Amino acid sequence: MLRALEGLALGGVPAVAMAYLAEEVHPDGLGLAMGLYVGGTAIGGMAGRVITGVVADLFSWRVAIGTIGVLGILLMLAFRALLPPSRHCGLGFTHHRSALLRQFTRPGLPLLFLLGFVLMGSFVTLYNYIGYRLLAPPYRLSQTAIGAIFVVYLTGVVASPWSGRMADTFGRARVLTASLLLMGAGLALTLFSPLAAIVGGIACVTFGFLAGHAVASGWVGRLAKEAKGQAAALYLLAYYIGSSVVGSYGGHIVGRAAWQDWLRRCSRPALLLR
């Protein structure tokens, strides 16, 4: 129950952030601004995994969760003190059901909502279950070593602002397509057995996901002519439903037809990467 309440509380944070950027940043710089924001979330995601891995090895998982909670409170206080006042965006409880429903009639927005569902679901499935594979033979990595692998999250610091800048220059559709192709290539790499291939695949998936998310979330703000907060909220609702549904169901797929089973059917390509 507490985890569910935590999810409800945290889900509102990125929705407000995306709406704030869409309202406060000039459209010509929105892609870069959204990319920088998503890059910041990448630092947070990486730090959370690395810090909890080290602290869990040294103490316990309870101490690790408590450490992250304290850091979150401190950063929240710093954010509240540093954020400049809003000039255009009212962030109160003034949302209406009709404004939410109108977002489904905006051309392109429902497809972006679906894309957020797929992006986050695929990403979470990999990150949720790759650790179990690396804990098991033949790798037998420690929690600290697995946490260190997730330093590849730092690729998002580059991917997100870069993709936003490229989207402003060359078009969002092209950059989004390239991001999805990179994610697919990364997932294919994780099917092979060498640890270097798996780490490279995780890096490609992370780069592609964060680049795609930066472009898609920025595009939502551009397509929503009004009620940008509701549009951002619907995108993130689909995004987190993808995390829950696909991220959970993906575990059944991994459990039934796990990486090693696939590798046995594709042993020759795997040998090429040794």
C-alpha atoms as a PDB file:
ATOM      1  CA  MET A   1       0.000   0.000   0.000  1.00  0.00           C
ATOM      2  CA  LEU A   2       2.794   2.424   0.890  1.00  0.00           C
ATOM      3  CA  ARG A   3       4.526   1.639  -2.413  1.00  0.00           C
ATOM      4  CA  ALA A   4       1.290   2.376  -4.287  1.00  0.00           C
ATOM      5  CA  LEU A   5       0.905   5.710  -2.500  1.00  0.00           C
ATOM      6  CA  GLU A   6       4.533   6.510  -3.253  1.00  0.00           C
ATOM      7  CA  GLY A   7       3.913   5.838  -6.945  1.00  0.00           C
ATOM      8  CA  LEU A   8       0.846   8.096  -6.971  1.00  0.00           C
ATOM      9  CA  ALA A   9       2.842  10.904  -5.372  1.00  0.00           C
ATOM     10  CA  LEU A  10       5.891  10.559  -7.594  1.00  0.00           C
ATOM     11  CA  GLY A  11       3.867  10.299 -10.802  1.00  0.00           C
ATOM     12  CA  GLY A  12       2.730  13.896 -10.462  1.00  0.00           C
ATOM     13  CA  VAL A  13       6.263  15.293 -10.325  1.00  0.00           C
ATOM     14  CA  PRO A  14       7.280  14.702 -13.981  1.00  0.00           C
ATOM     15  CA  ALA A  15       3.802  15.716 -15.202  1.00  0.00           C
ATOM     16  CA  VAL A  16       4.143  19.105 -13.521  1.00  0.00           C
ATOM     17  CA  ALA A  17       7.741  19.436 -14.733  1.00  0.00           C
ATOM     18  CA  MET A  18       6.814  18.717 -18.368  1.00  0.00           C
ATOM     19  CA  ALA A  19       3.890  21.155 -18.229  1.00  0.00           C
ATOM     20  CA  TYR A  20       6.087  23.812 -16.619  1.00  0.00           C
ATOM     21  CA  LEU A  21       8.705  23.527 -19.379  1.00  0.00           C
ATOM     22  CA  ALA A  22       6.090  23.503 -22.145  1.00  0.00           C
ATOM     23  CA  GLU A  23       4.557  26.718 -20.795  1.00  0.00           C
ATOM     24  CA  GLU A  24       7.676  28.589 -19.694  1.00  0.00           C
ATOM     25  CA  VAL A  25      10.234  27.750 -22.426  1.00  0.00           C
ATOM     26  CA  HIS A  26      10.145  29.257 -25.915  1.00  0.00           C
ATOM     27  CA  PRO A  27       9.107  26.653 -28.538  1.00  0.00           C
ATOM     28  CA  ASP A  28      12.440  27.010 -30.376  1.00  0.00           C
ATOM     29  CA  GLY A  29      14.318  25.814 -27.316  1.00  0.00           C
ATOM     30  CA  LEU A  30      11.771  23.360 -25.925  1.00  0.00           C
ATOM     31  CA  GLY A  31      13.475  20.274 -27.365  1.00  0.00           C
ATOM     32  CA  LEU A  32      16.810  21.102 -25.740  1.00  0.00           C
ATOM     33  CA  ALA A  33      15.154  22.106 -22.442  1.00  0.00           C
ATOM     34  CA  MET A  34      13.169  18.868 -22.284  1.00  0.00           C
ATOM     35  CA  GLY A  35      16.321  16.949 -23.166  1.00  0.00           C
ATOM     36  CA  LEU A  36      18.203  18.553 -20.299  1.00  0.00           C
ATOM     37  CA  TYR A  37      15.352  17.681 -17.942  1.00  0.00           C
ATOM     38  CA  VAL A  38      15.300  14.031 -19.065  1.00  0.00           C
ATOM     39  CA  GLY A  39      19.102  13.986 -18.785  1.00  0.00           C
ATOM     40  CA  GLY A  40      18.694  15.013 -15.152  1.00  0.00           C
ATOM     41  CA  THR A  41      16.288  12.127 -14.561  1.00  0.00           C
ATOM     42  CA  ALA A  42      18.941   9.825 -16.040  1.00  0.00           C
ATOM     43  CA  ILE A  43      21.441  11.008 -13.424  1.00  0.00           C
ATOM     44  CA  GLY A  44      18.867  10.317 -10.728  1.00  0.00           C
ATOM     45  CA  GLY A  45      18.090   6.854 -12.055  1.00  0.00           C
ATOM     46  CA  MET A  46      21.755   5.948 -12.302  1.00  0.00           C
ATOM     47  CA  ALA A  47      22.589   7.339  -8.859  1.00  0.00           C
ATOM     48  CA  GLY A  48      19.701   5.479  -7.279  1.00  0.00           C
ATOM     49  CA  ARG A  49      20.812   2.119  -8.652  1.00  0.00           C
ATOM     50  CA  VAL A  50      24.513   2.606  -7.921  1.00  0.00           C
ATOM     51  CA  ILE A  51      24.040   4.045  -4.414  1.00  0.00           C
ATOM     52  CA  THR A  52      21.507   1.412  -3.359  1.00  0.00           C
ATOM     53  CA  GLY A  53      23.721  -1.379  -4.722  1.00  0.00           C
ATOM     54  CA  VAL A  54      26.722  -0.241  -2.677  1.00  0.00           C
ATOM     55  CA  VAL A  55      24.746   0.532   0.498  1.00  0.00           C
ATOM     56  CA  ALA A  56      22.819  -2.767   0.276  1.00  0.00           C
ATOM     57  CA  ASP A  57      26.098  -4.681   0.061  1.00  0.00           C
ATOM     58  CA  LEU A  58      27.575  -2.778   3.012  1.00  0.00           C
ATOM     59  CA  PHE A  59      24.492  -2.711   5.260  1.00  0.00           C
ATOM     60  CA  SER A  60      21.030  -3.874   4.083  1.00  0.00           C
ATOM     61  CA  TRP A  61      18.334  -3.091   1.556  1.00  0.00           C
ATOM     62  CA  ARG A  62      16.390  -1.210   4.254  1.00  0.00           C
ATOM     63  CA  VAL A  63      19.301   1.139   4.892  1.00  0.00           C
ATOM     64  CA  ALA A  64      19.685   1.581   1.121  1.00  0.00           C
ATOM     65  CA  ILE A  65      16.027   2.624   0.718  1.00  0.00           C
ATOM     66  CA  GLY A  66      16.287   4.941   3.708  1.00  0.00           C
ATOM     67  CA  THR A  67      19.383   6.586   2.227  1.00  0.00           C
ATOM     68  CA  ILE A  68      17.571   7.294  -1.034  1.00  0.00           C
ATOM     69  CA  GLY A  69      14.594   8.683   0.879  1.00  0.00           C
ATOM     70  CA  VAL A  70      16.753  11.147   2.838  1.00  0.00           C
ATOM     71  CA  LEU A  71      18.535  12.258  -0.343  1.00  0.00           C
ATOM     72  CA  GLY A  72      15.158  12.783  -2.017  1.00  0.00           C
ATOM     73  CA  ILE A  73      13.940  15.050   0.800  1.00  0.00           C
ATOM     74  CA  LEU A  74      17.122  17.136   0.699  1.00  0.00           C
ATOM     75  CA  LEU A  75      16.941  17.538  -3.077  1.00  0.00           C
ATOM     76  CA  MET A  76      13.261  18.481  -2.874  1.00  0.00           C
ATOM     77  CA  LEU A  77      14.079  21.290  -0.453  1.00  0.00           C
ATOM     78  CA  ALA A  78      16.870  22.522  -2.738  1.00  0.00           C
ATOM     79  CA  PHE A  79      14.533  22.410  -5.750  1.00  0.00           C
ATOM     80  CA  ARG A  80      11.855  24.401  -3.945  1.00  0.00           C
ATOM     81  CA  ALA A  81      14.380  27.067  -3.023  1.00  0.00           C
ATOM     82  CA  LEU A  82      15.982  27.346  -6.491  1.00  0.00           C
ATOM     83  CA  LEU A  83      13.010  27.101  -8.902  1.00  0.00           C
ATOM     84  CA  PRO A  84      12.121  30.515 -10.354  1.00  0.00           C
ATOM     85  CA  PRO A  85       8.481  31.573 -10.076  1.00  0.00           C
ATOM     86  CA  SER A  86       6.153  30.607 -12.910  1.00  0.00           C
ATOM     87  CA  ARG A  87       5.105  33.341 -15.339  1.00  0.00           C
ATOM     88  CA  HIS A  88       2.571  31.492 -17.483  1.00  0.00           C
ATOM     89  CA  CYS A  89       1.782  28.172 -15.913  1.00  0.00           C
ATOM     90  CA  GLY A  90      -0.748  27.813 -13.127  1.00  0.00           C
ATOM     91  CA  LEU A  91       0.189  24.660 -11.243  1.00  0.00           C
ATOM     92  CA  GLY A  92      -2.867  24.447  -8.995  1.00  0.00           C
ATOM     93  CA  PHE A  93      -5.742  21.962  -8.857  1.00  0.00           C
ATOM     94  CA  THR A  94      -7.716  23.525 -11.731  1.00  0.00           C
ATOM     95  CA  HIS A  95      -7.812  20.581 -14.108  1.00  0.00           C
ATOM     96  CA  HIS A  96     -11.088  19.560 -15.735  1.00  0.00           C
ATOM     97  CA  ARG A  97     -12.272  16.261 -17.164  1.00  0.00           C
ATOM     98  CA  SER A  98     -13.170  17.858 -20.486  1.00  0.00           C
ATOM     99  CA  ALA A  99      -9.624  19.155 -20.900  1.00  0.00           C
ATOM    100  CA  LEU A 100      -8.299  15.633 -20.436  1.00  0.00           C
ATOM    101  CA  LEU A 101     -10.706  14.127 -22.946  1.00  0.00           C
ATOM    102  CA  ARG A 102      -9.873  16.770 -25.561  1.00  0.00           C
ATOM    103  CA  GLN A 103      -6.279  15.566 -25.652  1.00  0.00           C
ATOM    104  CA  PHE A 104      -7.405  12.345 -27.355  1.00  0.00           C
ATOM    105  CA  THR A 105      -8.774  14.381 -30.258  1.00  0.00           C
ATOM    106  CA  ARG A 106      -5.486  16.164 -30.928  1.00  0.00           C
ATOM    107  CA  PRO A 107      -3.795  14.662 -34.003  1.00  0.00           C
ATOM    108  CA  GLY A 108      -0.688  12.759 -33.012  1.00  0.00           C
ATOM    109  CA  LEU A 109      -1.127  12.899 -29.239  1.00  0.00           C
ATOM    110  CA  PRO A 110      -2.709   9.421 -28.817  1.00  0.00           C
ATOM    111  CA  LEU A 111       0.217   7.916 -30.772  1.00  0.00           C
ATOM    112  CA  LEU A 112       2.673   9.658 -28.459  1.00  0.00           C
ATOM    113  CA  PHE A 113       0.796   8.292 -25.454  1.00  0.00           C
ATOM    114  CA  LEU A 114       1.097   4.787 -26.934  1.00  0.00           C
ATOM    115  CA  LEU A 115       4.782   5.377 -27.640  1.00  0.00           C
ATOM    116  CA  GLY A 116       5.390   6.347 -24.004  1.00  0.00           C
ATOM    117  CA  PHE A 117       3.697   3.087 -22.965  1.00  0.00           C
ATOM    118  CA  VAL A 118       5.981   1.009 -25.193  1.00  0.00           C
ATOM    119  CA  LEU A 119       9.189   2.930 -24.443  1.00  0.00           C
ATOM    120  CA  MET A 120       8.942   2.718 -20.675  1.00  0.00           C
ATOM    121  CA  GLY A 121       7.623  -0.842 -20.672  1.00  0.00           C
ATOM    122  CA  SER A 122      10.538  -2.112 -22.752  1.00  0.00           C
ATOM    123  CA  PHE A 123      13.098  -0.196 -20.738  1.00  0.00           C
ATOM    124  CA  VAL A 124      11.791  -1.315 -17.350  1.00  0.00           C
ATOM    125  CA  THR A 125      11.561  -4.949 -18.447  1.00  0.00           C
ATOM    126  CA  LEU A 126      15.258  -4.974 -19.297  1.00  0.00           C
ATOM    127  CA  TYR A 127      16.346  -3.158 -16.138  1.00  0.00           C
ATOM    128  CA  ASN A 128      14.075  -5.198 -13.870  1.00  0.00           C
ATOM    129  CA  TYR A 129      15.321  -8.606 -14.970  1.00  0.00           C
ATOM    130  CA  ILE A 130      18.835  -8.268 -16.395  1.00  0.00           C
ATOM    131  CA  GLY A 131      20.181  -8.155 -12.840  1.00  0.00           C
ATOM    132  CA  TYR A 132      18.865 -11.666 -12.113  1.00  0.00           C
ATOM    133  CA  ARG A 133      20.717 -12.992 -15.127  1.00  0.00           C
ATOM    134  CA  LEU A 134      23.955 -11.343 -14.022  1.00  0.00           C
ATOM    135  CA  LEU A 135      23.612 -12.638 -10.449  1.00  0.00           C
ATOM    136  CA  ALA A 136      23.293 -16.206 -11.751  1.00  0.00           C
ATOM    137  CA  PRO A 137      26.004 -18.420 -13.270  1.00  0.00           C
ATOM    138  CA  PRO A 138      28.191 -17.999 -15.240  1.00  0.00           C
ATOM    139  CA  TYR A 139      28.478 -14.304 -14.259  1.00  0.00           C
ATOM    140  CA  ARG A 140      27.782 -14.377 -10.483  1.00  0.00           C
ATOM    141  CA  LEU A 141      28.232 -10.619 -10.180  1.00  0.00           C
ATOM    142  CA  SER A 142      27.754  -8.858  -6.857  1.00  0.00           C
ATOM    143  CA  GLN A 143      25.070  -6.229  -6.279  1.00  0.00           C
ATOM    144  CA  THR A 144      27.798  -3.578  -6.321  1.00  0.00           C
ATOM    145  CA  ALA A 145      29.145  -4.794  -9.675  1.00  0.00           C
ATOM    146  CA  ILE A 146      25.651  -4.866 -11.178  1.00  0.00           C
ATOM    147  CA  GLY A 147      25.002  -1.376  -9.832  1.00  0.00           C
ATOM    148  CA  ALA A 148      28.246  -0.223 -11.459  1.00  0.00           C
ATOM    149  CA  ILE A 149      27.032  -1.503 -14.831  1.00  0.00           C
ATOM    150  CA  PHE A 150      24.094   0.862 -14.559  1.00  0.00           C
ATOM    151  CA  VAL A 151      26.511   3.776 -14.737  1.00  0.00           C
ATOM    152  CA  VAL A 152      25.559   3.514 -18.437  1.00  0.00           C
ATOM    153  CA  TYR A 153      22.587   5.603 -17.310  1.00  0.00           C
ATOM    154  CA  LEU A 154      24.998   8.506 -17.736  1.00  0.00           C
ATOM    155  CA  THR A 155      24.602   8.083 -21.498  1.00  0.00           C
ATOM    156  CA  GLY A 156      21.263   9.777 -20.927  1.00  0.00           C
ATOM    157  CA  VAL A 157      23.057  12.957 -19.874  1.00  0.00           C
ATOM    158  CA  VAL A 158      24.338  13.081 -23.456  1.00  0.00           C
ATOM    159  CA  ALA A 159      21.413  11.393 -25.218  1.00  0.00           C
ATOM    160  CA  SER A 160      18.604  13.576 -23.911  1.00  0.00           C
ATOM    161  CA  PRO A 161      19.904  17.102 -24.693  1.00  0.00           C
ATOM    162  CA  TRP A 162      21.518  15.831 -27.910  1.00  0.00           C
ATOM    163  CA  SER A 163      18.267  14.301 -29.132  1.00  0.00           C
ATOM    164  CA  GLY A 164      16.353  17.447 -28.209  1.00  0.00           C
ATOM    165  CA  ARG A 165      18.786  19.595 -30.154  1.00  0.00           C
ATOM    166  CA  MET A 166      18.703  17.211 -33.143  1.00  0.00           C
ATOM    167  CA  ALA A 167      14.901  17.163 -33.050  1.00  0.00           C
ATOM    168  CA  ASP A 168      14.789  20.960 -33.174  1.00  0.00           C
ATOM    169  CA  THR A 169      17.168  20.873 -36.149  1.00  0.00           C
ATOM    170  CA  PHE A 170      16.248  17.791 -38.214  1.00  0.00           C
ATOM    171  CA  GLY A 171      12.741  16.937 -37.092  1.00  0.00           C
ATOM    172  CA  ARG A 172      11.285  14.912 -34.263  1.00  0.00           C
ATOM    173  CA  ALA A 173      10.090  11.980 -36.360  1.00  0.00           C
ATOM    174  CA  ARG A 174      13.575  11.215 -37.697  1.00  0.00           C
ATOM    175  CA  VAL A 175      15.266  11.385 -34.299  1.00  0.00           C
ATOM    176  CA  LEU A 176      12.510   9.324 -32.694  1.00  0.00           C
ATOM    177  CA  THR A 177      12.812   6.616 -35.356  1.00  0.00           C
ATOM    178  CA  ALA A 178      16.589   6.454 -34.892  1.00  0.00           C
ATOM    179  CA  SER A 179      16.126   6.150 -31.119  1.00  0.00           C
ATOM    180  CA  LEU A 180      13.733   3.215 -31.497  1.00  0.00           C
ATOM    181  CA  LEU A 181      16.088   1.434 -33.886  1.00  0.00           C
ATOM    182  CA  LEU A 182      18.953   1.883 -31.419  1.00  0.00           C
ATOM    183  CA  MET A 183      16.827   0.394 -28.628  1.00  0.00           C
ATOM    184  CA  GLY A 184      16.047  -2.620 -30.816  1.00  0.00           C
ATOM    185  CA  ALA A 185      19.729  -3.143 -31.596  1.00  0.00           C
ATOM    186  CA  GLY A 186      20.591  -2.923 -27.897  1.00  0.00           C
ATOM    187  CA  LEU A 187      17.966  -5.494 -26.936  1.00  0.00           C
ATOM    188  CA  ALA A 188      19.399  -7.836 -29.579  1.00  0.00           C
ATOM    189  CA  LEU A 189      22.877  -7.471 -28.074  1.00  0.00           C
ATOM    190  CA  THR A 190      21.632  -8.573 -24.631  1.00  0.00           C
ATOM    191  CA  LEU A 191      20.655 -11.918 -26.162  1.00  0.00           C
ATOM    192  CA  PHE A 192      24.315 -12.888 -26.502  1.00  0.00           C
ATOM    193  CA  SER A 193      26.388 -14.325 -23.694  1.00  0.00           C
ATOM    194  CA  PRO A 194      29.605 -12.220 -23.443  1.00  0.00           C
ATOM    195  CA  LEU A 195      29.362  -9.694 -20.626  1.00  0.00           C
ATOM    196  CA  ALA A 196      30.728  -6.962 -22.907  1.00  0.00           C
ATOM    197  CA  ALA A 197      27.860  -7.541 -25.341  1.00  0.00           C
ATOM    198  CA  ILE A 198      25.300  -7.376 -22.532  1.00  0.00           C
ATOM    199  CA  VAL A 199      26.727  -4.137 -21.118  1.00  0.00           C
ATOM    200  CA  GLY A 200      26.893  -2.658 -24.617  1.00  0.00           C
ATOM    201  CA  GLY A 201      23.285  -3.659 -25.198  1.00  0.00           C
ATOM    202  CA  ILE A 202      22.178  -2.042 -21.929  1.00  0.00           C
ATOM    203  CA  ALA A 203      24.015   1.142 -22.951  1.00  0.00           C
ATOM    204  CA  CYS A 204      22.321   1.196 -26.379  1.00  0.00           C
ATOM    205  CA  VAL A 205      18.875   0.599 -24.885  1.00  0.00           C
ATOM    206  CA  THR A 206      19.455   3.325 -22.281  1.00  0.00           C
ATOM    207  CA  PHE A 207      20.688   5.846 -24.848  1.00  0.00           C
ATOM    208  CA  GLY A 208      17.833   5.071 -27.244  1.00  0.00           C
ATOM    209  CA  PHE A 209      15.182   5.120 -24.534  1.00  0.00           C
ATOM    210  CA  LEU A 210      16.220   8.421 -22.982  1.00  0.00           C
ATOM    211  CA  ALA A 211      16.657  10.036 -26.400  1.00  0.00           C
ATOM    212  CA  GLY A 212      13.232   8.806 -27.508  1.00  0.00           C
ATOM    213  CA  HIS A 213      11.569   9.847 -24.270  1.00  0.00           C
ATOM    214  CA  ALA A 214      13.080  13.330 -24.487  1.00  0.00           C
ATOM    215  CA  VAL A 215      11.764  13.794 -28.037  1.00  0.00           C
ATOM    216  CA  ALA A 216       8.327  12.295 -27.350  1.00  0.00           C
ATOM    217  CA  SER A 217       7.726  14.245 -24.130  1.00  0.00           C
ATOM    218  CA  GLY A 218       8.792  17.493 -25.784  1.00  0.00           C
ATOM    219  CA  TRP A 219       6.544  16.747 -28.758  1.00  0.00           C
ATOM    220  CA  VAL A 220       3.553  16.342 -26.426  1.00  0.00           C
ATOM    221  CA  GLY A 221       4.057  19.912 -25.225  1.00  0.00           C
ATOM    222  CA  ARG A 222       4.199  21.195 -28.808  1.00  0.00           C
ATOM    223  CA  LEU A 223       1.085  19.350 -30.030  1.00  0.00           C
ATOM    224  CA  ALA A 224      -1.047  20.272 -27.021  1.00  0.00           C
ATOM    225  CA  LYS A 225      -2.201  23.766 -27.942  1.00  0.00           C
ATOM    226  CA  GLU A 226      -3.915  24.171 -24.592  1.00  0.00           C
ATOM    227  CA  ALA A 227      -4.148  22.278 -21.303  1.00  0.00           C
ATOM    228  CA  LYS A 228      -0.528  21.206 -21.619  1.00  0.00           C
ATOM    229  CA  GLY A 229      -0.534  19.897 -18.065  1.00  0.00           C
ATOM    230  CA  GLN A 230      -3.322  17.446 -18.871  1.00  0.00           C
ATOM    231  CA  ALA A 231      -1.512  16.326 -22.031  1.00  0.00           C
ATOM    232  CA  ALA A 232       1.690  15.735 -20.083  1.00  0.00           C
ATOM    233  CA  ALA A 233      -0.260  13.875 -17.402  1.00  0.00           C
ATOM    234  CA  LEU A 234      -1.854  11.539 -19.962  1.00  0.00           C
ATOM    235  CA  TYR A 235       1.517  10.854 -21.583  1.00  0.00           C
ATOM    236  CA  LEU A 236       3.005   9.983 -18.213  1.00  0.00           C
ATOM    237  CA  LEU A 237      -0.043   7.910 -17.267  1.00  0.00           C
ATOM    238  CA  ALA A 238       0.551   5.758 -20.351  1.00  0.00           C
ATOM    239  CA  TYR A 239       4.284   5.816 -19.612  1.00  0.00           C
ATOM    240  CA  TYR A 240       3.854   4.443 -16.100  1.00  0.00           C
ATOM    241  CA  ILE A 241       1.138   1.972 -17.077  1.00  0.00           C
ATOM    242  CA  GLY A 242       3.669   0.621 -19.573  1.00  0.00           C
ATOM    243  CA  SER A 243       6.159   0.358 -16.741  1.00  0.00           C
ATOM    244  CA  SER A 244       3.698  -1.604 -14.609  1.00  0.00           C
ATOM    245  CA  VAL A 245       2.051  -3.809 -17.237  1.00  0.00           C
ATOM    246  CA  VAL A 246       4.859  -4.479 -19.703  1.00  0.00           C
ATOM    247  CA  GLY A 247       7.511  -4.338 -17.003  1.00  0.00           C
ATOM    248  CA  SER A 248       5.676  -7.062 -15.059  1.00  0.00           C
ATOM    249  CA  TYR A 249       4.522  -9.233 -17.956  1.00  0.00           C
ATOM    250  CA  GLY A 250       7.978  -9.045 -19.510  1.00  0.00           C
ATOM    251  CA  GLY A 251       9.224 -11.032 -16.533  1.00  0.00           C
ATOM    252  CA  HIS A 252       6.987 -13.955 -17.519  1.00  0.00           C
ATOM    253  CA  ILE A 253       8.447 -13.900 -21.017  1.00  0.00           C
ATOM    254  CA  VAL A 254      11.983 -13.827 -19.638  1.00  0.00           C
ATOM    255  CA  GLY A 255      11.128 -16.649 -17.223  1.00  0.00           C
ATOM    256  CA  ARG A 256       9.611 -18.928 -19.856  1.00  0.00           C
ATOM    257  CA  ALA A 257      11.921 -18.254 -22.807  1.00  0.00           C
ATOM    258  CA  ALA A 258      14.897 -16.789 -21.016  1.00  0.00           C
ATOM    259  CA  TRP A 259      18.003 -15.362 -22.613  1.00  0.00           C
ATOM    260  CA  GLN A 260      19.874 -18.656 -22.297  1.00  0.00           C
ATOM    261  CA  ASP A 261      17.164 -20.597 -24.168  1.00  0.00           C
ATOM    262  CA  TRP A 262      17.326 -18.100 -26.997  1.00  0.00           C
ATOM    263  CA  LEU A 263      21.109 -18.343 -27.024  1.00  0.00           C
ATOM    264  CA  ARG A 264      21.015 -22.099 -27.422  1.00  0.00           C
ATOM    265  CA  ARG A 265      18.940 -21.623 -30.556  1.00  0.00           C
ATOM    266  CA  CYS A 266      21.364 -18.972 -31.835  1.00  0.00           C
ATOM    267  CA  SER A 267      24.672 -20.443 -30.672  1.00  0.00           C
ATOM    268  CA  ARG A 268      26.612 -19.608 -33.804  1.00  0.00           C
ATOM    269  CA  PRO A 269      25.998 -15.832 -33.728  1.00  0.00           C
ATOM    270  CA  ALA A 270      26.823 -15.893 -30.010  1.00  0.00           C
ATOM    271  CA  LEU A 271      30.171 -17.518 -30.725  1.00  0.00           C
ATOM    272  CA  LEU A 272      31.015 -14.758 -33.164  1.00  0.00           C
ATOM    273  CA  LEU A 273      30.919 -12.251 -30.318  1.00  0.00           C
ATOM    274  CA  ARG A 274      33.209 -14.210 -27.987  1.00  0.00           C
END
